[in-house]
Amino acid sequence: MSGATIKANSALGKDFLTYLCYLSDSRNGVFEIAGKGTFQVWLGDKIVLQDEADTPPNSISFVGRDFTADDLKQAIKSGKKVTEAQFRIDKDETSWSFTLRAQRFDIASLRLNTPQFKADDSEARFYSRMLVIEELNEILDGLYYQFLHDVTEKNWETEGYKKFREWINR
């Protein structure tokens, strides 16, 4: 991948993570995607924001439960975008906790909470975990599709972005 491609993907990734933080807070975590049903997306205990307009880039990190949505909004108001964030997704009996990084759209520190299997059924446990990871991939693909759809809609500037600005200023 060329440096220009990485930079373009990174910018899109930052917008996507910022969008996810916005929707998670404004919708009280509730999302719905066709074919995946309803689930919750929560911001975890770590978020990193960066303003690349500054030289060198200016970053701020929030770790632990001490930061609030108001802290996040203030950082976004100042021109920063989310470069890395920890999320938790809950759907039915399964939950995923992970860090999503904007630069390469990669996942780190994935933790799964799935229905338990008997200790001697390791093959079933393995395949179950693979299915749960695939489900997370489908959910993230659906969220990304929703992001791309929303920001490329004709009414994004007049309605969608307006709602985003209202959320920031609340």
N, C-alpha and C. Protein backbone atom coordinates (compact mmCIF):
# COMPACT_ATOMS: atom_id res chain seq x y z
N MET A 1 0.84 -1.17 0.00
CA MET A 1 0.00 0.00 0.00
C MET A 1 0.89 1.24 0.00
N SER A 2 0.58 2.19 -0.83
CA SER A 2 1.37 3.41 -0.90
C SER A 2 1.08 4.32 0.29
N GLY A 3 1.99 5.25 0.53
CA GLY A 3 1.80 6.20 1.62
C GLY A 3 0.55 7.04 1.45
N ALA A 4 0.25 7.41 0.20
CA ALA A 4 -0.95 8.22 -0.07
C ALA A 4 -2.22 7.43 0.23
N THR A 5 -2.21 6.13 -0.13
CA THR A 5 -3.38 5.28 0.14
C THR A 5 -3.59 5.13 1.64
N ILE A 6 -2.50 4.91 2.37
CA ILE A 6 -2.59 4.77 3.83
C ILE A 6 -3.13 6.05 4.45
N LYS A 7 -2.65 7.20 3.97
CA LYS A 7 -3.12 8.48 4.52
C LYS A 7 -4.60 8.70 4.22
N ALA A 8 -5.04 8.37 3.01
CA ALA A 8 -6.45 8.52 2.65
C ALA A 8 -7.32 7.59 3.48
N ASN A 9 -6.89 6.32 3.64
CA ASN A 9 -7.64 5.37 4.45
C ASN A 9 -7.68 5.81 5.91
N SER A 10 -6.58 6.36 6.38
CA SER A 10 -6.51 6.83 7.76
C SER A 10 -7.52 7.94 8.00
N ALA A 11 -7.62 8.88 7.06
CA ALA A 11 -8.59 9.98 7.19
C ALA A 11 -10.01 9.44 7.22
N LEU A 12 -10.31 8.49 6.35
CA LEU A 12 -11.64 7.89 6.32
C LEU A 12 -11.89 7.09 7.60
N GLY A 13 -10.86 6.41 8.08
CA GLY A 13 -10.98 5.66 9.33
C GLY A 13 -11.26 6.56 10.52
N LYS A 14 -10.62 7.71 10.57
CA LYS A 14 -10.86 8.66 11.66
C LYS A 14 -12.29 9.18 11.61
N ASP A 15 -12.76 9.49 10.41
CA ASP A 15 -14.15 9.94 10.27
C ASP A 15 -15.11 8.84 10.72
N PHE A 16 -14.82 7.60 10.35
CA PHE A 16 -15.68 6.47 10.73
C PHE A 16 -15.72 6.30 12.25
N LEU A 17 -14.56 6.32 12.90
CA LEU A 17 -14.54 6.15 14.35
C LEU A 17 -15.23 7.31 15.06
N THR A 18 -15.03 8.52 14.55
CA THR A 18 -15.70 9.69 15.13
C THR A 18 -17.22 9.56 14.97
N TYR A 19 -17.64 9.10 13.81
CA TYR A 19 -19.07 8.85 13.52
C TYR A 19 -19.64 7.79 14.47
N LEU A 20 -18.89 6.69 14.70
CA LEU A 20 -19.37 5.64 15.61
C LEU A 20 -19.53 6.18 17.04
N CYS A 21 -18.57 6.98 17.48
CA CYS A 21 -18.68 7.57 18.82
C CYS A 21 -19.91 8.47 18.92
N TYR A 22 -20.14 9.26 17.87
CA TYR A 22 -21.31 10.15 17.83
C TYR A 22 -22.60 9.34 17.89
N LEU A 23 -22.74 8.34 17.03
CA LEU A 23 -23.99 7.57 17.01
C LEU A 23 -24.19 6.78 18.29
N SER A 24 -23.11 6.21 18.82
CA SER A 24 -23.24 5.44 20.06
C SER A 24 -23.78 6.31 21.18
N ASP A 25 -23.27 7.53 21.29
CA ASP A 25 -23.74 8.43 22.35
C ASP A 25 -25.14 8.96 22.05
N SER A 26 -25.40 9.39 20.83
CA SER A 26 -26.69 10.01 20.51
C SER A 26 -27.84 9.01 20.47
N ARG A 27 -27.55 7.74 20.22
CA ARG A 27 -28.59 6.71 20.17
C ARG A 27 -28.63 5.84 21.43
N ASN A 28 -27.92 6.26 22.45
CA ASN A 28 -27.82 5.46 23.67
C ASN A 28 -27.35 4.04 23.37
N GLY A 29 -26.45 3.92 22.40
CA GLY A 29 -25.82 2.65 22.08
C GLY A 29 -26.60 1.74 21.16
N VAL A 30 -27.84 2.06 20.83
CA VAL A 30 -28.70 1.14 20.08
C VAL A 30 -28.52 1.34 18.56
N PHE A 31 -28.23 0.23 17.88
CA PHE A 31 -28.06 0.22 16.43
C PHE A 31 -28.91 -0.89 15.84
N GLU A 32 -29.25 -0.73 14.58
CA GLU A 32 -29.94 -1.79 13.85
C GLU A 32 -29.41 -1.82 12.43
N ILE A 33 -29.05 -3.02 11.99
CA ILE A 33 -28.55 -3.23 10.63
C ILE A 33 -29.37 -4.34 10.01
N ALA A 34 -29.78 -4.13 8.76
CA ALA A 34 -30.55 -5.15 8.05
C ALA A 34 -29.78 -6.47 8.05
N GLY A 35 -30.47 -7.53 8.41
CA GLY A 35 -29.86 -8.85 8.43
C GLY A 35 -29.13 -9.18 9.72
N LYS A 36 -28.85 -8.18 10.54
CA LYS A 36 -28.13 -8.41 11.80
C LYS A 36 -28.99 -8.07 13.01
N GLY A 37 -30.10 -7.42 12.79
CA GLY A 37 -30.99 -7.09 13.90
C GLY A 37 -30.47 -5.93 14.73
N THR A 38 -30.95 -5.90 15.96
CA THR A 38 -30.61 -4.82 16.89
C THR A 38 -29.48 -5.25 17.80
N PHE A 39 -28.59 -4.32 18.09
CA PHE A 39 -27.47 -4.59 19.00
C PHE A 39 -27.03 -3.26 19.60
N GLN A 40 -26.15 -3.33 20.58
CA GLN A 40 -25.66 -2.12 21.24
C GLN A 40 -24.17 -1.96 20.96
N VAL A 41 -23.77 -0.71 20.74
CA VAL A 41 -22.36 -0.37 20.57
C VAL A 41 -22.02 0.68 21.63
N TRP A 42 -21.05 0.35 22.47
CA TRP A 42 -20.66 1.23 23.57
C TRP A 42 -19.20 1.62 23.44
N LEU A 43 -18.91 2.85 23.76
CA LEU A 43 -17.53 3.30 23.81
C LEU A 43 -16.90 2.73 25.07
N GLY A 44 -15.69 2.18 24.93
CA GLY A 44 -15.02 1.54 26.06
C GLY A 44 -14.22 2.52 26.89
N ASP A 45 -13.16 2.01 27.51
CA ASP A 45 -12.37 2.79 28.47
C ASP A 45 -11.16 3.48 27.87
N LYS A 46 -11.03 3.48 26.54
CA LYS A 46 -9.88 4.14 25.93
C LYS A 46 -10.29 4.78 24.62
N ILE A 47 -9.83 6.02 24.45
CA ILE A 47 -10.05 6.71 23.18
C ILE A 47 -8.88 7.66 22.95
N VAL A 48 -8.40 7.69 21.72
CA VAL A 48 -7.30 8.58 21.34
C VAL A 48 -7.79 9.45 20.20
N LEU A 49 -7.60 10.76 20.33
CA LEU A 49 -7.99 11.71 19.30
C LEU A 49 -6.75 12.49 18.87
N GLN A 50 -6.75 12.91 17.60
CA GLN A 50 -5.59 13.62 17.08
C GLN A 50 -6.03 14.71 16.11
N ASP A 51 -5.30 15.82 16.15
CA ASP A 51 -5.50 16.92 15.20
C ASP A 51 -4.26 17.01 14.34
N GLU A 52 -4.37 16.57 13.10
CA GLU A 52 -3.20 16.56 12.22
C GLU A 52 -2.93 17.91 11.59
N ALA A 53 -3.81 18.88 11.81
CA ALA A 53 -3.55 20.22 11.28
C ALA A 53 -2.38 20.86 12.00
N ASP A 54 -2.14 20.43 13.24
CA ASP A 54 -1.01 20.95 14.02
C ASP A 54 0.27 20.24 13.60
N THR A 55 1.38 20.94 13.70
CA THR A 55 2.68 20.33 13.44
C THR A 55 3.53 20.50 14.67
N PRO A 56 3.94 19.45 15.32
CA PRO A 56 3.58 18.06 15.06
C PRO A 56 2.13 17.82 15.46
N PRO A 57 1.57 16.69 14.99
CA PRO A 57 0.17 16.39 15.32
C PRO A 57 -0.07 16.42 16.84
N ASN A 58 -1.18 17.00 17.23
CA ASN A 58 -1.55 17.14 18.63
C ASN A 58 -2.53 16.03 18.99
N SER A 59 -2.19 15.23 19.99
CA SER A 59 -3.04 14.10 20.40
C SER A 59 -3.52 14.28 21.83
N ILE A 60 -4.66 13.65 22.10
CA ILE A 60 -5.17 13.57 23.46
C ILE A 60 -5.72 12.17 23.66
N SER A 61 -5.46 11.61 24.83
CA SER A 61 -5.94 10.26 25.15
C SER A 61 -6.80 10.31 26.40
N PHE A 62 -7.87 9.57 26.37
CA PHE A 62 -8.71 9.38 27.55
C PHE A 62 -8.67 7.89 27.88
N VAL A 63 -8.32 7.57 29.12
CA VAL A 63 -8.23 6.17 29.53
C VAL A 63 -8.95 6.03 30.86
N GLY A 64 -9.68 4.94 30.99
CA GLY A 64 -10.41 4.69 32.22
C GLY A 64 -11.82 5.25 32.13
N ARG A 65 -12.48 5.26 33.23
CA ARG A 65 -13.87 5.70 33.24
C ARG A 65 -14.02 7.16 33.65
N ASP A 66 -12.91 7.90 33.65
CA ASP A 66 -12.95 9.29 34.11
C ASP A 66 -13.39 10.27 33.03
N PHE A 67 -13.40 9.86 31.76
CA PHE A 67 -13.80 10.80 30.72
C PHE A 67 -15.29 10.65 30.43
N THR A 68 -15.87 11.73 29.93
CA THR A 68 -17.30 11.76 29.66
C THR A 68 -17.54 12.08 28.18
N ALA A 69 -18.79 12.00 27.78
CA ALA A 69 -19.16 12.38 26.41
C ALA A 69 -18.83 13.85 26.18
N ASP A 70 -18.93 14.67 27.22
CA ASP A 70 -18.60 16.09 27.08
C ASP A 70 -17.11 16.28 26.77
N ASP A 71 -16.24 15.46 27.39
CA ASP A 71 -14.80 15.53 27.07
C ASP A 71 -14.57 15.18 25.61
N LEU A 72 -15.24 14.13 25.15
CA LEU A 72 -15.12 13.70 23.76
C LEU A 72 -15.60 14.80 22.81
N LYS A 73 -16.75 15.38 23.11
CA LYS A 73 -17.30 16.44 22.27
C LYS A 73 -16.36 17.65 22.22
N GLN A 74 -15.79 18.01 23.35
CA GLN A 74 -14.89 19.17 23.40
C GLN A 74 -13.65 18.92 22.53
N ALA A 75 -13.11 17.71 22.58
CA ALA A 75 -11.95 17.38 21.75
C ALA A 75 -12.30 17.44 20.27
N ILE A 76 -13.48 16.93 19.91
CA ILE A 76 -13.92 16.97 18.50
C ILE A 76 -14.15 18.42 18.07
N LYS A 77 -14.75 19.23 18.95
CA LYS A 77 -14.96 20.65 18.65
C LYS A 77 -13.65 21.36 18.34
N SER A 78 -12.59 20.95 19.02
CA SER A 78 -11.29 21.61 18.83
C SER A 78 -10.57 21.14 17.56
N GLY A 79 -11.22 20.25 16.78
CA GLY A 79 -10.65 19.83 15.50
C GLY A 79 -10.04 18.45 15.50
N LYS A 80 -10.11 17.76 16.62
CA LYS A 80 -9.53 16.42 16.69
C LYS A 80 -10.51 15.38 16.17
N LYS A 81 -9.95 14.28 15.66
CA LYS A 81 -10.75 13.14 15.22
C LYS A 81 -10.25 11.90 15.94
N VAL A 82 -11.12 10.94 16.09
CA VAL A 82 -10.78 9.71 16.80
C VAL A 82 -9.84 8.87 15.93
N THR A 83 -8.68 8.51 16.49
CA THR A 83 -7.73 7.66 15.78
C THR A 83 -7.73 6.24 16.31
N GLU A 84 -8.20 6.07 17.53
CA GLU A 84 -8.24 4.74 18.15
C GLU A 84 -9.29 4.78 19.25
N ALA A 85 -10.09 3.73 19.32
CA ALA A 85 -11.11 3.69 20.36
C ALA A 85 -11.42 2.25 20.74
N GLN A 86 -11.70 2.08 22.00
CA GLN A 86 -12.14 0.77 22.48
C GLN A 86 -13.67 0.77 22.45
N PHE A 87 -14.22 -0.32 21.92
CA PHE A 87 -15.67 -0.47 21.83
C PHE A 87 -16.09 -1.79 22.45
N ARG A 88 -17.35 -1.84 22.85
CA ARG A 88 -17.98 -3.09 23.25
C ARG A 88 -19.28 -3.18 22.47
N ILE A 89 -19.48 -4.32 21.83
CA ILE A 89 -20.72 -4.57 21.11
C ILE A 89 -21.43 -5.72 21.80
N ASP A 90 -22.70 -5.54 22.11
CA ASP A 90 -23.53 -6.57 22.74
C ASP A 90 -24.65 -6.93 21.80
N LYS A 91 -24.77 -8.23 21.53
CA LYS A 91 -25.86 -8.72 20.68
C LYS A 91 -26.30 -10.07 21.22
N ASP A 92 -27.55 -10.14 21.60
CA ASP A 92 -28.10 -11.36 22.18
C ASP A 92 -27.22 -11.80 23.35
N GLU A 93 -26.70 -13.04 23.31
CA GLU A 93 -25.87 -13.56 24.40
C GLU A 93 -24.38 -13.33 24.19
N THR A 94 -24.02 -12.65 23.12
CA THR A 94 -22.61 -12.49 22.78
C THR A 94 -22.19 -11.04 22.94
N SER A 95 -20.97 -10.85 23.42
CA SER A 95 -20.41 -9.49 23.46
C SER A 95 -18.96 -9.55 23.01
N TRP A 96 -18.56 -8.47 22.35
CA TRP A 96 -17.20 -8.33 21.86
C TRP A 96 -16.62 -7.06 22.46
N SER A 97 -15.41 -7.13 22.92
CA SER A 97 -14.70 -5.95 23.38
C SER A 97 -13.40 -5.88 22.60
N PHE A 98 -13.09 -4.71 22.03
CA PHE A 98 -11.93 -4.61 21.16
C PHE A 98 -11.54 -3.15 20.98
N THR A 99 -10.33 -2.96 20.49
CA THR A 99 -9.86 -1.64 20.11
C THR A 99 -9.83 -1.57 18.59
N LEU A 100 -10.42 -0.53 18.04
CA LEU A 100 -10.45 -0.32 16.60
C LEU A 100 -9.55 0.87 16.29
N ARG A 101 -8.59 0.65 15.37
CA ARG A 101 -7.63 1.69 15.02
C ARG A 101 -7.90 2.19 13.60
N ALA A 102 -7.89 3.51 13.45
CA ALA A 102 -8.31 4.14 12.19
C ALA A 102 -7.31 3.98 11.06
N GLN A 103 -6.02 4.00 11.36
CA GLN A 103 -5.04 4.07 10.28
C GLN A 103 -5.13 2.91 9.31
N ARG A 104 -5.30 1.70 9.83
CA ARG A 104 -5.36 0.53 8.96
C ARG A 104 -6.65 -0.27 9.13
N PHE A 105 -7.63 0.32 9.82
CA PHE A 105 -8.90 -0.37 10.08
C PHE A 105 -8.66 -1.73 10.74
N ASP A 106 -7.76 -1.78 11.70
CA ASP A 106 -7.47 -3.06 12.33
C ASP A 106 -8.04 -3.12 13.74
N ILE A 107 -8.22 -4.35 14.18
CA ILE A 107 -8.77 -4.63 15.50
C ILE A 107 -7.64 -5.16 16.37
N ALA A 108 -7.59 -4.68 17.61
CA ALA A 108 -6.61 -5.17 18.58
C ALA A 108 -7.35 -5.54 19.86
N SER A 109 -6.74 -6.40 20.64
CA SER A 109 -7.24 -6.76 21.97
C SER A 109 -8.68 -7.26 21.96
N LEU A 110 -8.99 -8.12 21.01
CA LEU A 110 -10.35 -8.66 20.91
C LEU A 110 -10.61 -9.65 22.04
N ARG A 111 -11.71 -9.40 22.76
CA ARG A 111 -12.17 -10.33 23.80
C ARG A 111 -13.60 -10.71 23.47
N LEU A 112 -13.86 -12.00 23.55
CA LEU A 112 -15.18 -12.53 23.24
C LEU A 112 -15.84 -13.03 24.51
N ASN A 113 -17.10 -12.77 24.64
CA ASN A 113 -17.89 -13.35 25.71
C ASN A 113 -19.03 -14.10 25.02
N THR A 114 -18.89 -15.41 24.96
CA THR A 114 -19.85 -16.24 24.23
C THR A 114 -20.45 -17.27 25.17
N PRO A 115 -21.54 -17.89 24.75
CA PRO A 115 -22.09 -18.98 25.55
C PRO A 115 -21.02 -20.05 25.79
N GLN A 116 -21.00 -20.61 26.97
CA GLN A 116 -19.97 -21.57 27.36
C GLN A 116 -20.27 -22.98 26.84
N PHE A 117 -19.18 -23.70 26.50
CA PHE A 117 -19.27 -25.10 26.10
C PHE A 117 -18.59 -25.96 27.15
N LYS A 118 -18.90 -27.22 27.14
CA LYS A 118 -18.23 -28.14 28.05
C LYS A 118 -16.74 -28.14 27.74
N ALA A 119 -15.93 -28.34 28.77
CA ALA A 119 -14.48 -28.29 28.62
C ALA A 119 -13.97 -29.31 27.61
N ASP A 120 -14.63 -30.47 27.49
CA ASP A 120 -14.14 -31.51 26.58
C ASP A 120 -14.62 -31.32 25.14
N ASP A 121 -15.37 -30.28 24.88
CA ASP A 121 -15.88 -30.05 23.53
C ASP A 121 -15.09 -28.91 22.87
N SER A 122 -13.77 -29.10 22.75
CA SER A 122 -12.90 -28.04 22.24
C SER A 122 -13.16 -27.73 20.76
N GLU A 123 -13.54 -28.73 19.98
CA GLU A 123 -13.80 -28.49 18.56
C GLU A 123 -15.04 -27.59 18.40
N ALA A 124 -16.09 -27.87 19.14
CA ALA A 124 -17.29 -27.04 19.08
C ALA A 124 -16.98 -25.62 19.55
N ARG A 125 -16.16 -25.52 20.58
CA ARG A 125 -15.78 -24.21 21.10
C ARG A 125 -15.01 -23.42 20.03
N PHE A 126 -14.07 -24.08 19.36
CA PHE A 126 -13.27 -23.43 18.31
C PHE A 126 -14.18 -22.90 17.20
N TYR A 127 -15.05 -23.75 16.67
CA TYR A 127 -15.92 -23.32 15.57
C TYR A 127 -16.92 -22.25 16.02
N SER A 128 -17.37 -22.35 17.24
CA SER A 128 -18.26 -21.32 17.77
C SER A 128 -17.55 -19.97 17.82
N ARG A 129 -16.31 -19.97 18.27
CA ARG A 129 -15.54 -18.72 18.33
C ARG A 129 -15.31 -18.15 16.93
N MET A 130 -15.05 -19.01 15.96
CA MET A 130 -14.86 -18.55 14.58
C MET A 130 -16.14 -17.90 14.05
N LEU A 131 -17.28 -18.51 14.35
CA LEU A 131 -18.56 -17.93 13.92
C LEU A 131 -18.82 -16.58 14.58
N VAL A 132 -18.46 -16.48 15.85
CA VAL A 132 -18.67 -15.23 16.58
C VAL A 132 -17.75 -14.13 16.03
N ILE A 133 -16.53 -14.48 15.68
CA ILE A 133 -15.62 -13.51 15.07
C ILE A 133 -16.15 -13.08 13.71
N GLU A 134 -16.66 -14.02 12.94
CA GLU A 134 -17.25 -13.69 11.63
C GLU A 134 -18.46 -12.77 11.81
N GLU A 135 -19.26 -13.02 12.85
CA GLU A 135 -20.41 -12.15 13.10
C GLU A 135 -19.96 -10.72 13.43
N LEU A 136 -18.89 -10.58 14.21
CA LEU A 136 -18.35 -9.25 14.49
C LEU A 136 -17.92 -8.57 13.20
N ASN A 137 -17.25 -9.32 12.33
CA ASN A 137 -16.82 -8.77 11.04
C ASN A 137 -18.02 -8.27 10.24
N GLU A 138 -19.10 -9.03 10.23
CA GLU A 138 -20.31 -8.64 9.49
C GLU A 138 -20.94 -7.39 10.11
N ILE A 139 -20.94 -7.31 11.43
CA ILE A 139 -21.49 -6.13 12.11
C ILE A 139 -20.66 -4.89 11.77
N LEU A 140 -19.34 -5.01 11.84
CA LEU A 140 -18.47 -3.87 11.52
C LEU A 140 -18.61 -3.47 10.06
N ASP A 141 -18.73 -4.45 9.16
CA ASP A 141 -18.97 -4.14 7.75
C ASP A 141 -20.28 -3.38 7.58
N GLY A 142 -21.32 -3.81 8.30
CA GLY A 142 -22.62 -3.14 8.24
C GLY A 142 -22.55 -1.72 8.77
N LEU A 143 -21.82 -1.52 9.86
CA LEU A 143 -21.66 -0.17 10.41
C LEU A 143 -20.89 0.73 9.45
N TYR A 144 -19.87 0.16 8.82
CA TYR A 144 -19.08 0.95 7.87
C TYR A 144 -19.92 1.30 6.63
N TYR A 145 -20.71 0.34 6.18
CA TYR A 145 -21.61 0.60 5.05
C TYR A 145 -22.59 1.72 5.41
N GLN A 146 -23.14 1.66 6.62
CA GLN A 146 -24.08 2.70 7.07
C GLN A 146 -23.38 4.06 7.10
N PHE A 147 -22.15 4.10 7.59
CA PHE A 147 -21.37 5.34 7.62
C PHE A 147 -21.20 5.90 6.21
N LEU A 148 -20.73 5.05 5.28
CA LEU A 148 -20.51 5.52 3.91
C LEU A 148 -21.82 5.99 3.27
N HIS A 149 -22.89 5.25 3.52
CA HIS A 149 -24.20 5.63 2.98
C HIS A 149 -24.63 6.98 3.53
N ASP A 150 -24.52 7.14 4.85
CA ASP A 150 -24.98 8.38 5.48
C ASP A 150 -24.20 9.60 5.00
N VAL A 151 -22.87 9.49 4.95
CA VAL A 151 -22.08 10.68 4.62
C VAL A 151 -22.05 11.00 3.13
N THR A 152 -22.50 10.06 2.29
CA THR A 152 -22.56 10.34 0.85
C THR A 152 -23.97 10.69 0.38
N GLU A 153 -24.92 10.64 1.29
CA GLU A 153 -26.30 11.04 0.96
C GLU A 153 -26.34 12.52 0.61
N LYS A 154 -27.26 12.87 -0.25
CA LYS A 154 -27.41 14.27 -0.66
C LYS A 154 -27.73 15.18 0.52
N ASN A 155 -28.46 14.65 1.49
CA ASN A 155 -28.89 15.49 2.61
C ASN A 155 -27.93 15.44 3.80
N TRP A 156 -26.74 14.87 3.64
CA TRP A 156 -25.80 14.80 4.77
C TRP A 156 -25.44 16.21 5.25
N GLU A 157 -25.11 17.10 4.33
CA GLU A 157 -24.69 18.45 4.71
C GLU A 157 -25.81 19.22 5.40
N THR A 158 -27.04 19.05 4.94
CA THR A 158 -28.14 19.84 5.49
C THR A 158 -28.80 19.18 6.70
N GLU A 159 -28.79 17.85 6.77
CA GLU A 159 -29.46 17.17 7.88
C GLU A 159 -28.49 16.38 8.76
N GLY A 160 -27.76 15.44 8.18
CA GLY A 160 -26.88 14.58 8.96
C GLY A 160 -25.79 15.33 9.70
N TYR A 161 -25.07 16.17 8.98
CA TYR A 161 -24.00 16.94 9.61
C TYR A 161 -24.56 17.94 10.62
N LYS A 162 -25.75 18.46 10.32
CA LYS A 162 -26.41 19.38 11.25
C LYS A 162 -26.70 18.67 12.58
N LYS A 163 -27.19 17.43 12.51
CA LYS A 163 -27.45 16.66 13.73
C LYS A 163 -26.16 16.38 14.49
N PHE A 164 -25.10 16.09 13.75
CA PHE A 164 -23.78 15.87 14.37
C PHE A 164 -23.33 17.13 15.11
N ARG A 165 -23.46 18.29 14.48
CA ARG A 165 -23.07 19.56 15.12
C ARG A 165 -23.95 19.84 16.34
N GLU A 166 -25.24 19.54 16.25
CA GLU A 166 -26.13 19.73 17.41
C GLU A 166 -25.70 18.84 18.56
N TRP A 167 -25.30 17.59 18.26
CA TRP A 167 -24.82 16.67 19.30
C TRP A 167 -23.57 17.24 19.96
N ILE A 168 -22.65 17.74 19.17
CA ILE A 168 -21.40 18.29 19.72
C ILE A 168 -21.70 19.47 20.65
N ASN A 169 -22.66 20.28 20.28
CA ASN A 169 -22.94 21.50 21.04
C ASN A 169 -23.92 21.30 22.19
N ARG A 170 -24.40 20.08 22.38
CA ARG A 170 -25.31 19.79 23.50
C ARG A 170 -24.57 19.72 24.80
